[in-house]
Amino acid sequence: MPFSDTTPEAREVQFRIYRAMSGEQRLLLAYEMSMFARELARARIISDHPEWDEALVNRELLRIAFLPDPLPPGFR
């Protein structure tokens, strides 16, 4: 059973709100959540590797998004 910190009642309210939204509103919400997750990932990368320049940070963001494992050492 998956862990959730949301009560069933709160989840139902959340779903009711989502169902009342237009497709455009749901798409915008998904985009905003995606951008927020990306900024969190970026902040984590910068925190873990403060010596990396912007290009390396961007490359790591792409790797996280599309590859399951770290790149081999020669690809940095």
Protein backbone atom coordinates (compact mmCIF):
# COMPACT_ATOMS: atom_id res chain seq x y z
CA MET A 1 0.00 0.00 0.00
CA PRO A 2 1.48 3.39 -1.01
CA PHE A 3 2.18 5.92 1.71
CA SER A 4 0.09 9.08 1.69
CA ASP A 5 0.00 12.03 4.05
CA THR A 6 -3.39 13.04 2.65
CA THR A 7 -6.58 11.88 4.33
CA PRO A 8 -9.22 10.25 2.12
CA GLU A 9 -11.53 13.22 2.77
CA ALA A 10 -8.87 15.75 1.73
CA ARG A 11 -8.04 13.66 -1.34
CA GLU A 12 -11.70 13.68 -2.38
CA VAL A 13 -11.83 17.49 -2.05
CA GLN A 14 -8.66 17.71 -4.15
CA PHE A 15 -10.14 15.44 -6.84
CA ARG A 16 -13.37 17.43 -6.84
CA ILE A 17 -11.37 20.61 -7.47
CA TYR A 18 -9.41 18.93 -10.28
CA ARG A 19 -12.61 17.68 -11.93
CA ALA A 20 -14.06 21.21 -11.84
CA MET A 21 -11.01 22.64 -13.62
CA SER A 22 -10.95 23.06 -17.37
CA GLY A 23 -8.47 21.07 -19.41
CA GLU A 24 -6.42 24.22 -19.87
CA GLN A 25 -6.31 24.82 -16.11
CA ARG A 26 -5.22 21.23 -15.43
CA LEU A 27 -2.54 21.48 -18.09
CA LEU A 28 -1.25 24.74 -16.60
CA LEU A 29 -1.20 23.19 -13.12
CA ALA A 30 0.76 20.19 -14.42
CA TYR A 31 3.24 22.53 -16.14
CA GLU A 32 3.70 24.61 -12.97
CA MET A 33 4.25 21.47 -10.88
CA SER A 34 6.78 20.20 -13.42
CA MET A 35 8.70 23.48 -13.38
CA PHE A 36 8.70 23.51 -9.58
CA ALA A 37 10.10 19.95 -9.50
CA ARG A 38 12.76 21.00 -12.02
CA GLU A 39 13.81 23.96 -9.86
CA LEU A 40 14.03 21.70 -6.80
CA ALA A 41 16.23 19.29 -8.76
CA ARG A 42 18.39 22.19 -9.97
CA ALA A 43 18.82 23.47 -6.42
CA ARG A 44 19.83 19.99 -5.24
CA ILE A 45 22.40 19.62 -8.03
CA ILE A 46 23.92 23.03 -7.24
CA SER A 47 23.99 22.17 -3.53
CA ASP A 48 25.68 18.83 -4.21
CA HIS A 49 28.11 20.25 -6.81
CA PRO A 50 28.74 23.97 -6.17
CA GLU A 51 31.83 23.82 -8.37
CA TRP A 52 29.82 22.90 -11.49
CA ASP A 53 29.14 25.54 -14.10
CA GLU A 54 25.69 26.16 -15.63
CA ALA A 55 26.35 23.77 -18.53
CA LEU A 56 27.10 20.85 -16.20
CA VAL A 57 24.05 21.62 -14.08
CA ASN A 58 21.86 21.66 -17.20
CA ARG A 59 23.40 18.43 -18.44
CA GLU A 60 22.71 16.74 -15.11
CA LEU A 61 19.09 17.96 -15.20
CA LEU A 62 18.70 16.34 -18.61
CA ARG A 63 20.34 13.15 -17.40
CA ILE A 64 18.03 12.94 -14.41
CA ALA A 65 15.02 13.47 -16.68
CA PHE A 66 15.94 10.91 -19.32
CA LEU A 67 18.51 8.42 -18.02
CA PRO A 68 18.19 6.07 -15.04
CA ASP A 69 21.91 5.96 -14.16
CA PRO A 70 24.76 8.47 -13.90
CA LEU A 71 26.70 9.14 -17.07
CA PRO A 72 30.02 7.32 -17.46
CA PRO A 73 33.00 9.36 -16.17
CA GLY A 74 34.21 10.49 -19.63
CA PHE A 75 30.91 12.17 -20.52
CA ARG A 76 31.09 15.14 -18.14
